[in-house]
Amino acid sequence: MITIKSGAEQAKMRKAGRIVADFLKAIEAEVAVGVTTAELDRFAEKFIRSKGGSPAFKGYHGFPATICASVNEEVVHGMPGKRKLEGGDIIGVDVGAIVDGYYADAARTFAVGPISEENDRLLKAARGALNAGIAAVKPGNRISDISHAVQQHIAPYGYGIVRQYVGHGIGTHLHEEPQIPNYGKPNQGAEIKVGMAFAIEPMVNAGTHEVKVLADGWTVVTADGRPSSHFENTVLVTQSGAELITEYA
């Protein structure tokens, strides 16, 4: 069920969103050659708790970490561990925070030092797809207008749009209705109304849209081993469109 958030609820979500945004800005400086994904995870938990939030992912359905750290061909849900970042890698960092029972969720894909033109193009396309989806968040539009906007942005690149994993509503739970695929026809699904809250998150693969899950039961990788990029923001629906509560300057 899609719920309309009150002003007080939105204020709590904004607090959670500010923690997520500040963390993503801070972690960008920590992403470097030789750093392990486990070190990034420890940094994340310390940062979120120091700001008065709780990690939204840790313990969620048994997930053991604060962030999902997805490197190169890893699409989403990458398990932090001993893997060291290397020059030319790209890493998707997905993170959530809880404040007073309300959630915010966002992701960015970062470059580890200079990256290839192919990867740079992929990151820019995925970021642009997120922006296109957010631009479709307007009262009176339909949920699938977001999906269609993402797909239309990616289509000229020939990239694969992940289908098994989607954006979602968010509020007092990390994942709420509606599901928001990153592809589809326009003008379908529920009407977008002021007070709704969504996590919009294109996952874009350089090759096939198909993915598989590794033996750890979490890490999703591209089926062809080519790189993937993931960008996400939590937005509140206002009269004028989408208020980005997890964006940083």
C-alpha atoms as a PDB file:
ATOM      1  CA  MET A   1       0.000   0.000   0.000  1.00  0.00           C
ATOM      2  CA  ILE A   2       1.293   3.452  -0.916  1.00  0.00           C
ATOM      3  CA  THR A   3       1.065   5.853   2.006  1.00  0.00           C
ATOM      4  CA  ILE A   4       1.028   9.631   2.192  1.00  0.00           C
ATOM      5  CA  LYS A   5       3.584  10.934   4.673  1.00  0.00           C
ATOM      6  CA  SER A   6       2.608  13.723   7.069  1.00  0.00           C
ATOM      7  CA  GLY A   7       4.793  16.771   7.591  1.00  0.00           C
ATOM      8  CA  ALA A   8       6.216  15.271  10.785  1.00  0.00           C
ATOM      9  CA  GLU A   9       7.005  12.011   9.020  1.00  0.00           C
ATOM     10  CA  GLN A  10       8.672  13.808   6.159  1.00  0.00           C
ATOM     11  CA  ALA A  11      10.824  15.760   8.606  1.00  0.00           C
ATOM     12  CA  LYS A  12      12.125  12.506  10.076  1.00  0.00           C
ATOM     13  CA  MET A  13      12.830  11.162   6.597  1.00  0.00           C
ATOM     14  CA  ARG A  14      14.737  14.347   5.754  1.00  0.00           C
ATOM     15  CA  LYS A  15      16.956  13.783   8.808  1.00  0.00           C
ATOM     16  CA  ALA A  16      17.699  10.240   7.659  1.00  0.00           C
ATOM     17  CA  GLY A  17      18.259  11.519   4.141  1.00  0.00           C
ATOM     18  CA  ARG A  18      20.751  14.127   5.318  1.00  0.00           C
ATOM     19  CA  ILE A  19      22.790  11.446   7.085  1.00  0.00           C
ATOM     20  CA  VAL A  20      22.816   9.337   3.919  1.00  0.00           C
ATOM     21  CA  ALA A  21      23.791  12.320   1.749  1.00  0.00           C
ATOM     22  CA  ASP A  22      26.557  13.404   4.117  1.00  0.00           C
ATOM     23  CA  PHE A  23      27.864   9.856   4.260  1.00  0.00           C
ATOM     24  CA  LEU A  24      27.993   9.503   0.470  1.00  0.00           C
ATOM     25  CA  LYS A  25      29.900  12.760   0.239  1.00  0.00           C
ATOM     26  CA  ALA A  26      32.337  11.590   2.927  1.00  0.00           C
ATOM     27  CA  ILE A  27      32.863   8.082   1.524  1.00  0.00           C
ATOM     28  CA  GLU A  28      33.928   9.443  -1.849  1.00  0.00           C
ATOM     29  CA  ALA A  29      37.206  10.549  -0.258  1.00  0.00           C
ATOM     30  CA  GLU A  30      37.675   7.098   1.317  1.00  0.00           C
ATOM     31  CA  VAL A  31      37.381   5.229  -1.996  1.00  0.00           C
ATOM     32  CA  ALA A  32      41.003   4.698  -2.998  1.00  0.00           C
ATOM     33  CA  VAL A  33      43.437   2.120  -4.346  1.00  0.00           C
ATOM     34  CA  GLY A  34      44.289  -0.483  -1.701  1.00  0.00           C
ATOM     35  CA  VAL A  35      41.280   0.141   0.526  1.00  0.00           C
ATOM     36  CA  THR A  36      39.175  -2.930   1.269  1.00  0.00           C
ATOM     37  CA  THR A  37      35.411  -2.968   1.027  1.00  0.00           C
ATOM     38  CA  ALA A  38      35.321  -4.067   4.680  1.00  0.00           C
ATOM     39  CA  GLU A  39      37.192  -0.889   5.651  1.00  0.00           C
ATOM     40  CA  LEU A  40      34.606   1.168   3.784  1.00  0.00           C
ATOM     41  CA  ASP A  41      31.881  -0.681   5.655  1.00  0.00           C
ATOM     42  CA  ARG A  42      33.434   0.041   9.046  1.00  0.00           C
ATOM     43  CA  PHE A  43      33.748   3.701   8.105  1.00  0.00           C
ATOM     44  CA  ALA A  44      30.070   3.716   7.111  1.00  0.00           C
ATOM     45  CA  GLU A  45      28.730   2.300  10.360  1.00  0.00           C
ATOM     46  CA  LYS A  46      30.832   4.630  12.487  1.00  0.00           C
ATOM     47  CA  PHE A  47      29.756   7.635  10.413  1.00  0.00           C
ATOM     48  CA  ILE A  48      26.016   6.872  10.470  1.00  0.00           C
ATOM     49  CA  ARG A  49      25.944   6.190  14.200  1.00  0.00           C
ATOM     50  CA  SER A  50      27.980   9.330  14.927  1.00  0.00           C
ATOM     51  CA  LYS A  51      25.271  11.386  13.212  1.00  0.00           C
ATOM     52  CA  GLY A  52      22.471   9.889  15.291  1.00  0.00           C
ATOM     53  CA  GLY A  53      21.222   7.335  12.778  1.00  0.00           C
ATOM     54  CA  SER A  54      21.143   3.560  12.620  1.00  0.00           C
ATOM     55  CA  PRO A  55      22.337   1.499   9.644  1.00  0.00           C
ATOM     56  CA  ALA A  56      19.262   0.420   7.673  1.00  0.00           C
ATOM     57  CA  PHE A  57      20.866  -2.559   5.963  1.00  0.00           C
ATOM     58  CA  LYS A  58      22.661  -4.239   8.858  1.00  0.00           C
ATOM     59  CA  GLY A  59      20.604  -7.246   9.885  1.00  0.00           C
ATOM     60  CA  TYR A  60      18.028  -6.678   7.142  1.00  0.00           C
ATOM     61  CA  HIS A  61      16.962 -10.192   6.130  1.00  0.00           C
ATOM     62  CA  GLY A  62      20.273 -11.311   7.633  1.00  0.00           C
ATOM     63  CA  PHE A  63      22.561  -8.953   5.684  1.00  0.00           C
ATOM     64  CA  PRO A  64      25.647  -8.550   7.888  1.00  0.00           C
ATOM     65  CA  ALA A  65      26.968  -5.144   6.778  1.00  0.00           C
ATOM     66  CA  THR A  66      26.145  -1.428   6.767  1.00  0.00           C
ATOM     67  CA  ILE A  67      26.720  -0.880   3.049  1.00  0.00           C
ATOM     68  CA  CYS A  68      26.437  -2.881  -0.114  1.00  0.00           C
ATOM     69  CA  ALA A  69      29.787  -2.543  -1.896  1.00  0.00           C
ATOM     70  CA  SER A  70      29.532  -3.708  -5.513  1.00  0.00           C
ATOM     71  CA  VAL A  71      32.730  -3.653  -7.575  1.00  0.00           C
ATOM     72  CA  ASN A  72      32.908  -3.716 -11.386  1.00  0.00           C
ATOM     73  CA  GLU A  73      30.685  -6.599 -12.563  1.00  0.00           C
ATOM     74  CA  GLU A  74      28.857  -6.664  -9.223  1.00  0.00           C
ATOM     75  CA  VAL A  75      25.473  -5.026  -9.735  1.00  0.00           C
ATOM     76  CA  VAL A  76      23.991  -4.696  -6.242  1.00  0.00           C
ATOM     77  CA  HIS A  77      24.142  -6.247  -2.752  1.00  0.00           C
ATOM     78  CA  GLY A  78      27.909  -6.691  -2.859  1.00  0.00           C
ATOM     79  CA  MET A  79      29.142  -8.141   0.427  1.00  0.00           C
ATOM     80  CA  PRO A  80      31.947  -6.065   2.037  1.00  0.00           C
ATOM     81  CA  GLY A  81      35.047  -8.105   2.723  1.00  0.00           C
ATOM     82  CA  LYS A  82      38.778  -8.434   2.077  1.00  0.00           C
ATOM     83  CA  ARG A  83      38.669  -7.320  -1.550  1.00  0.00           C
ATOM     84  CA  LYS A  84      41.047  -4.418  -2.160  1.00  0.00           C
ATOM     85  CA  LEU A  85      40.118  -1.723  -4.620  1.00  0.00           C
ATOM     86  CA  GLU A  86      42.366  -1.388  -7.646  1.00  0.00           C
ATOM     87  CA  GLY A  87      42.996   1.526  -9.964  1.00  0.00           C
ATOM     88  CA  GLY A  88      40.399   1.621 -12.726  1.00  0.00           C
ATOM     89  CA  ASP A  89      37.721  -0.141 -10.663  1.00  0.00           C
ATOM     90  CA  ILE A  90      34.256   1.242 -10.212  1.00  0.00           C
ATOM     91  CA  ILE A  91      32.373   0.623  -6.971  1.00  0.00           C
ATOM     92  CA  GLY A  92      28.695   1.031  -6.224  1.00  0.00           C
ATOM     93  CA  VAL A  93      28.066   2.032  -2.615  1.00  0.00           C
ATOM     94  CA  ASP A  94      24.456   1.551  -1.496  1.00  0.00           C
ATOM     95  CA  VAL A  95      23.500   2.730   1.985  1.00  0.00           C
ATOM     96  CA  GLY A  96      20.476   3.381   4.165  1.00  0.00           C
ATOM     97  CA  ALA A  97      19.883   5.111   7.481  1.00  0.00           C
ATOM     98  CA  ILE A  98      17.067   5.085  10.024  1.00  0.00           C
ATOM     99  CA  VAL A  99      16.076   8.061  12.174  1.00  0.00           C
ATOM    100  CA  ASP A 100      13.153   7.767  14.602  1.00  0.00           C
ATOM    101  CA  GLY A 101      11.819   4.772  12.683  1.00  0.00           C
ATOM    102  CA  TYR A 102      11.986   6.418   9.241  1.00  0.00           C
ATOM    103  CA  TYR A 103      14.248   5.374   6.391  1.00  0.00           C
ATOM    104  CA  ALA A 104      16.297   6.919   3.607  1.00  0.00           C
ATOM    105  CA  ASP A 105      18.211   4.966   0.958  1.00  0.00           C
ATOM    106  CA  ALA A 106      20.667   6.002  -1.754  1.00  0.00           C
ATOM    107  CA  ALA A 107      23.549   4.750  -3.872  1.00  0.00           C
ATOM    108  CA  ARG A 108      26.380   6.128  -5.962  1.00  0.00           C
ATOM    109  CA  THR A 109      28.938   4.470  -8.212  1.00  0.00           C
ATOM    110  CA  PHE A 110      32.424   5.872  -7.692  1.00  0.00           C
ATOM    111  CA  ALA A 111      35.564   5.698  -9.804  1.00  0.00           C
ATOM    112  CA  VAL A 112      38.727   4.345  -8.184  1.00  0.00           C
ATOM    113  CA  GLY A 113      41.325   6.660  -9.689  1.00  0.00           C
ATOM    114  CA  PRO A 114      41.247   7.184 -13.454  1.00  0.00           C
ATOM    115  CA  ILE A 115      38.840   4.817 -15.212  1.00  0.00           C
ATOM    116  CA  SER A 116      38.348   3.700 -18.792  1.00  0.00           C
ATOM    117  CA  GLU A 117      36.247   5.683 -21.240  1.00  0.00           C
ATOM    118  CA  GLU A 118      33.829   2.741 -21.283  1.00  0.00           C
ATOM    119  CA  ASN A 119      33.296   2.885 -17.539  1.00  0.00           C
ATOM    120  CA  ASP A 120      33.101   6.662 -17.490  1.00  0.00           C
ATOM    121  CA  ARG A 121      30.390   6.559 -20.146  1.00  0.00           C
ATOM    122  CA  LEU A 122      28.512   3.900 -18.191  1.00  0.00           C
ATOM    123  CA  LEU A 123      28.569   5.928 -14.963  1.00  0.00           C
ATOM    124  CA  LYS A 124      27.381   9.078 -16.702  1.00  0.00           C
ATOM    125  CA  ALA A 125      24.570   7.189 -18.434  1.00  0.00           C
ATOM    126  CA  ALA A 126      23.379   5.621 -15.178  1.00  0.00           C
ATOM    127  CA  ARG A 127      23.479   8.944 -13.348  1.00  0.00           C
ATOM    128  CA  GLY A 128      21.567  10.531 -16.198  1.00  0.00           C
ATOM    129  CA  ALA A 129      18.980   7.760 -16.010  1.00  0.00           C
ATOM    130  CA  LEU A 130      18.442   8.489 -12.318  1.00  0.00           C
ATOM    131  CA  ASN A 131      17.956  12.166 -13.104  1.00  0.00           C
ATOM    132  CA  ALA A 132      15.482  11.312 -15.860  1.00  0.00           C
ATOM    133  CA  GLY A 133      13.479   9.113 -13.511  1.00  0.00           C
ATOM    134  CA  ILE A 134      13.398  11.811 -10.858  1.00  0.00           C
ATOM    135  CA  ALA A 135      12.219  14.379 -13.411  1.00  0.00           C
ATOM    136  CA  ALA A 136       9.158  12.187 -14.037  1.00  0.00           C
ATOM    137  CA  VAL A 137       8.116  12.400 -10.372  1.00  0.00           C
ATOM    138  CA  LYS A 138       5.260  14.871 -10.646  1.00  0.00           C
ATOM    139  CA  PRO A 139       1.800  14.878  -9.040  1.00  0.00           C
ATOM    140  CA  GLY A 140      -0.636  13.452 -11.567  1.00  0.00           C
ATOM    141  CA  ASN A 141       1.926  11.300 -13.356  1.00  0.00           C
ATOM    142  CA  ARG A 142       1.884   7.520 -12.987  1.00  0.00           C
ATOM    143  CA  ILE A 143       4.498   5.253 -11.420  1.00  0.00           C
ATOM    144  CA  SER A 144       5.408   3.769 -14.802  1.00  0.00           C
ATOM    145  CA  ASP A 145       6.259   7.249 -16.091  1.00  0.00           C
ATOM    146  CA  ILE A 146       9.356   7.010 -13.877  1.00  0.00           C
ATOM    147  CA  SER A 147      10.179   3.591 -15.316  1.00  0.00           C
ATOM    148  CA  HIS A 148       9.676   4.759 -18.883  1.00  0.00           C
ATOM    149  CA  ALA A 149      11.857   7.842 -18.401  1.00  0.00           C
ATOM    150  CA  VAL A 150      14.750   5.698 -17.173  1.00  0.00           C
ATOM    151  CA  GLN A 151      14.394   3.299 -20.087  1.00  0.00           C
ATOM    152  CA  GLN A 152      14.192   6.086 -22.656  1.00  0.00           C
ATOM    153  CA  HIS A 153      17.362   7.654 -21.318  1.00  0.00           C
ATOM    154  CA  ILE A 154      19.324   4.394 -21.487  1.00  0.00           C
ATOM    155  CA  ALA A 155      17.995   3.096 -24.823  1.00  0.00           C
ATOM    156  CA  PRO A 156      20.384   5.080 -27.081  1.00  0.00           C
ATOM    157  CA  TYR A 157      23.408   3.645 -25.248  1.00  0.00           C
ATOM    158  CA  GLY A 158      22.484   0.028 -25.916  1.00  0.00           C
ATOM    159  CA  TYR A 159      23.073  -0.890 -22.280  1.00  0.00           C
ATOM    160  CA  GLY A 160      21.158  -3.532 -20.344  1.00  0.00           C
ATOM    161  CA  ILE A 161      18.683  -2.349 -17.716  1.00  0.00           C
ATOM    162  CA  VAL A 162      18.451  -4.778 -14.799  1.00  0.00           C
ATOM    163  CA  ARG A 163      14.935  -6.181 -14.511  1.00  0.00           C
ATOM    164  CA  GLN A 164      15.045  -8.431 -11.431  1.00  0.00           C
ATOM    165  CA  TYR A 165      15.754  -5.551  -9.036  1.00  0.00           C
ATOM    166  CA  VAL A 166      13.754  -2.335  -8.909  1.00  0.00           C
ATOM    167  CA  GLY A 167      13.124   0.915  -7.095  1.00  0.00           C
ATOM    168  CA  HIS A 168      10.493   1.089  -4.375  1.00  0.00           C
ATOM    169  CA  GLY A 169       8.413   3.074  -1.959  1.00  0.00           C
ATOM    170  CA  ILE A 170      10.043   3.944   1.353  1.00  0.00           C
ATOM    171  CA  GLY A 171       9.021   5.299   4.763  1.00  0.00           C
ATOM    172  CA  THR A 172       8.656   3.324   7.973  1.00  0.00           C
ATOM    173  CA  HIS A 173      10.071   0.328   6.097  1.00  0.00           C
ATOM    174  CA  LEU A 174      13.071   0.163   3.800  1.00  0.00           C
ATOM    175  CA  HIS A 175      10.994  -1.391   1.023  1.00  0.00           C
ATOM    176  CA  GLU A 176       7.363  -0.380   0.615  1.00  0.00           C
ATOM    177  CA  GLU A 177       4.919  -0.385  -2.267  1.00  0.00           C
ATOM    178  CA  PRO A 178       5.038   0.479  -5.072  1.00  0.00           C
ATOM    179  CA  GLN A 179       7.748  -1.374  -6.919  1.00  0.00           C
ATOM    180  CA  ILE A 180       9.320   0.914  -9.521  1.00  0.00           C
ATOM    181  CA  PRO A 181      10.940  -0.986 -12.414  1.00  0.00           C
ATOM    182  CA  ASN A 182      13.495   0.785 -14.570  1.00  0.00           C
ATOM    183  CA  TYR A 183      11.683  -0.058 -17.797  1.00  0.00           C
ATOM    184  CA  GLY A 184       8.128  -0.114 -19.058  1.00  0.00           C
ATOM    185  CA  LYS A 185       5.342   1.705 -20.853  1.00  0.00           C
ATOM    186  CA  PRO A 186       4.222   5.138 -19.626  1.00  0.00           C
ATOM    187  CA  ASN A 187       0.949   6.081 -17.938  1.00  0.00           C
ATOM    188  CA  GLN A 188       0.453   2.883 -15.966  1.00  0.00           C
ATOM    189  CA  GLY A 189       0.251   2.037 -12.269  1.00  0.00           C
ATOM    190  CA  ALA A 190      -0.722   4.192  -9.333  1.00  0.00           C
ATOM    191  CA  GLU A 191      -1.051   7.948  -9.610  1.00  0.00           C
ATOM    192  CA  ILE A 192       1.803   9.917  -8.050  1.00  0.00           C
ATOM    193  CA  LYS A 193       0.507  12.145  -5.242  1.00  0.00           C
ATOM    194  CA  VAL A 194       1.967  14.775  -2.946  1.00  0.00           C
ATOM    195  CA  GLY A 195       3.367  13.170   0.209  1.00  0.00           C
ATOM    196  CA  MET A 196       4.496   9.908  -1.353  1.00  0.00           C
ATOM    197  CA  ALA A 197       8.130   8.832  -0.990  1.00  0.00           C
ATOM    198  CA  PHE A 198      10.184   6.747  -3.407  1.00  0.00           C
ATOM    199  CA  ALA A 199      13.662   5.312  -3.764  1.00  0.00           C
ATOM    200  CA  ILE A 200      14.469   5.490  -7.475  1.00  0.00           C
ATOM    201  CA  GLU A 201      17.450   3.376  -8.494  1.00  0.00           C
ATOM    202  CA  PRO A 202      18.516   2.510 -12.033  1.00  0.00           C
ATOM    203  CA  MET A 203      20.927  -0.426 -12.289  1.00  0.00           C
ATOM    204  CA  VAL A 204      22.598  -0.285 -15.693  1.00  0.00           C
ATOM    205  CA  ASN A 205      24.865  -2.958 -17.193  1.00  0.00           C
ATOM    206  CA  ALA A 206      27.394  -2.365 -19.948  1.00  0.00           C
ATOM    207  CA  GLY A 207      26.238  -5.577 -21.633  1.00  0.00           C
ATOM    208  CA  THR A 208      23.303  -7.890 -21.029  1.00  0.00           C
ATOM    209  CA  HIS A 209      20.518  -7.019 -18.600  1.00  0.00           C
ATOM    210  CA  GLU A 210      20.733 -10.547 -17.201  1.00  0.00           C
ATOM    211  CA  VAL A 211      22.242 -11.135 -13.761  1.00  0.00           C
ATOM    212  CA  LYS A 212      22.987 -13.960 -11.345  1.00  0.00           C
ATOM    213  CA  VAL A 213      23.531 -14.280  -7.596  1.00  0.00           C
ATOM    214  CA  LEU A 214      26.839 -15.565  -6.220  1.00  0.00           C
ATOM    215  CA  ALA A 215      27.223 -18.368  -3.706  1.00  0.00           C
ATOM    216  CA  ASP A 216      27.160 -15.928  -0.761  1.00  0.00           C
ATOM    217  CA  GLY A 217      23.453 -15.558  -1.456  1.00  0.00           C
ATOM    218  CA  TRP A 218      23.679 -11.773  -1.746  1.00  0.00           C
ATOM    219  CA  THR A 219      26.089 -10.464  -4.362  1.00  0.00           C
ATOM    220  CA  VAL A 220      24.381  -9.907  -7.721  1.00  0.00           C
ATOM    221  CA  VAL A 221      26.686  -9.878 -10.768  1.00  0.00           C
ATOM    222  CA  THR A 222      26.203  -9.361 -14.482  1.00  0.00           C
ATOM    223  CA  ALA A 223      25.720 -12.630 -16.364  1.00  0.00           C
ATOM    224  CA  ASP A 224      28.387 -11.688 -18.921  1.00  0.00           C
ATOM    225  CA  GLY A 225      30.958 -10.303 -16.470  1.00  0.00           C
ATOM    226  CA  ARG A 226      30.822  -6.768 -17.856  1.00  0.00           C
ATOM    227  CA  PRO A 227      30.641  -3.763 -15.496  1.00  0.00           C
ATOM    228  CA  SER A 228      27.500  -2.331 -13.939  1.00  0.00           C
ATOM    229  CA  SER A 229      26.578   1.038 -12.429  1.00  0.00           C
ATOM    230  CA  HIS A 230      23.988   1.845  -9.750  1.00  0.00           C
ATOM    231  CA  PHE A 231      22.664   5.249  -8.730  1.00  0.00           C
ATOM    232  CA  GLU A 232      19.808   5.904  -6.302  1.00  0.00           C
ATOM    233  CA  ASN A 233      18.074   8.738  -4.478  1.00  0.00           C
ATOM    234  CA  THR A 234      15.205   8.916  -2.034  1.00  0.00           C
ATOM    235  CA  VAL A 235      12.655  11.562  -3.014  1.00  0.00           C
ATOM    236  CA  LEU A 236       9.581  13.103  -1.437  1.00  0.00           C
ATOM    237  CA  VAL A 237       6.762  14.130  -3.770  1.00  0.00           C
ATOM    238  CA  THR A 238       5.875  17.826  -3.492  1.00  0.00           C
ATOM    239  CA  GLN A 239       3.541  20.084  -5.449  1.00  0.00           C
ATOM    240  CA  SER A 240       6.428  21.061  -7.708  1.00  0.00           C
ATOM    241  CA  GLY A 241       7.876  17.569  -8.198  1.00  0.00           C
ATOM    242  CA  ALA A 242      10.573  15.594  -6.414  1.00  0.00           C
ATOM    243  CA  GLU A 243      12.436  16.802  -3.352  1.00  0.00           C
ATOM    244  CA  LEU A 244      15.774  14.993  -3.233  1.00  0.00           C
ATOM    245  CA  ILE A 245      16.530  14.210   0.402  1.00  0.00           C
ATOM    246  CA  THR A 246      19.679  12.130  -0.201  1.00  0.00           C
ATOM    247  CA  GLU A 247      21.525  14.392  -2.635  1.00  0.00           C
ATOM    248  CA  TYR A 248      24.730  16.201  -1.738  1.00  0.00           C
ATOM    249  CA  ALA A 249      26.480  19.132  -3.386  1.00  0.00           C
END
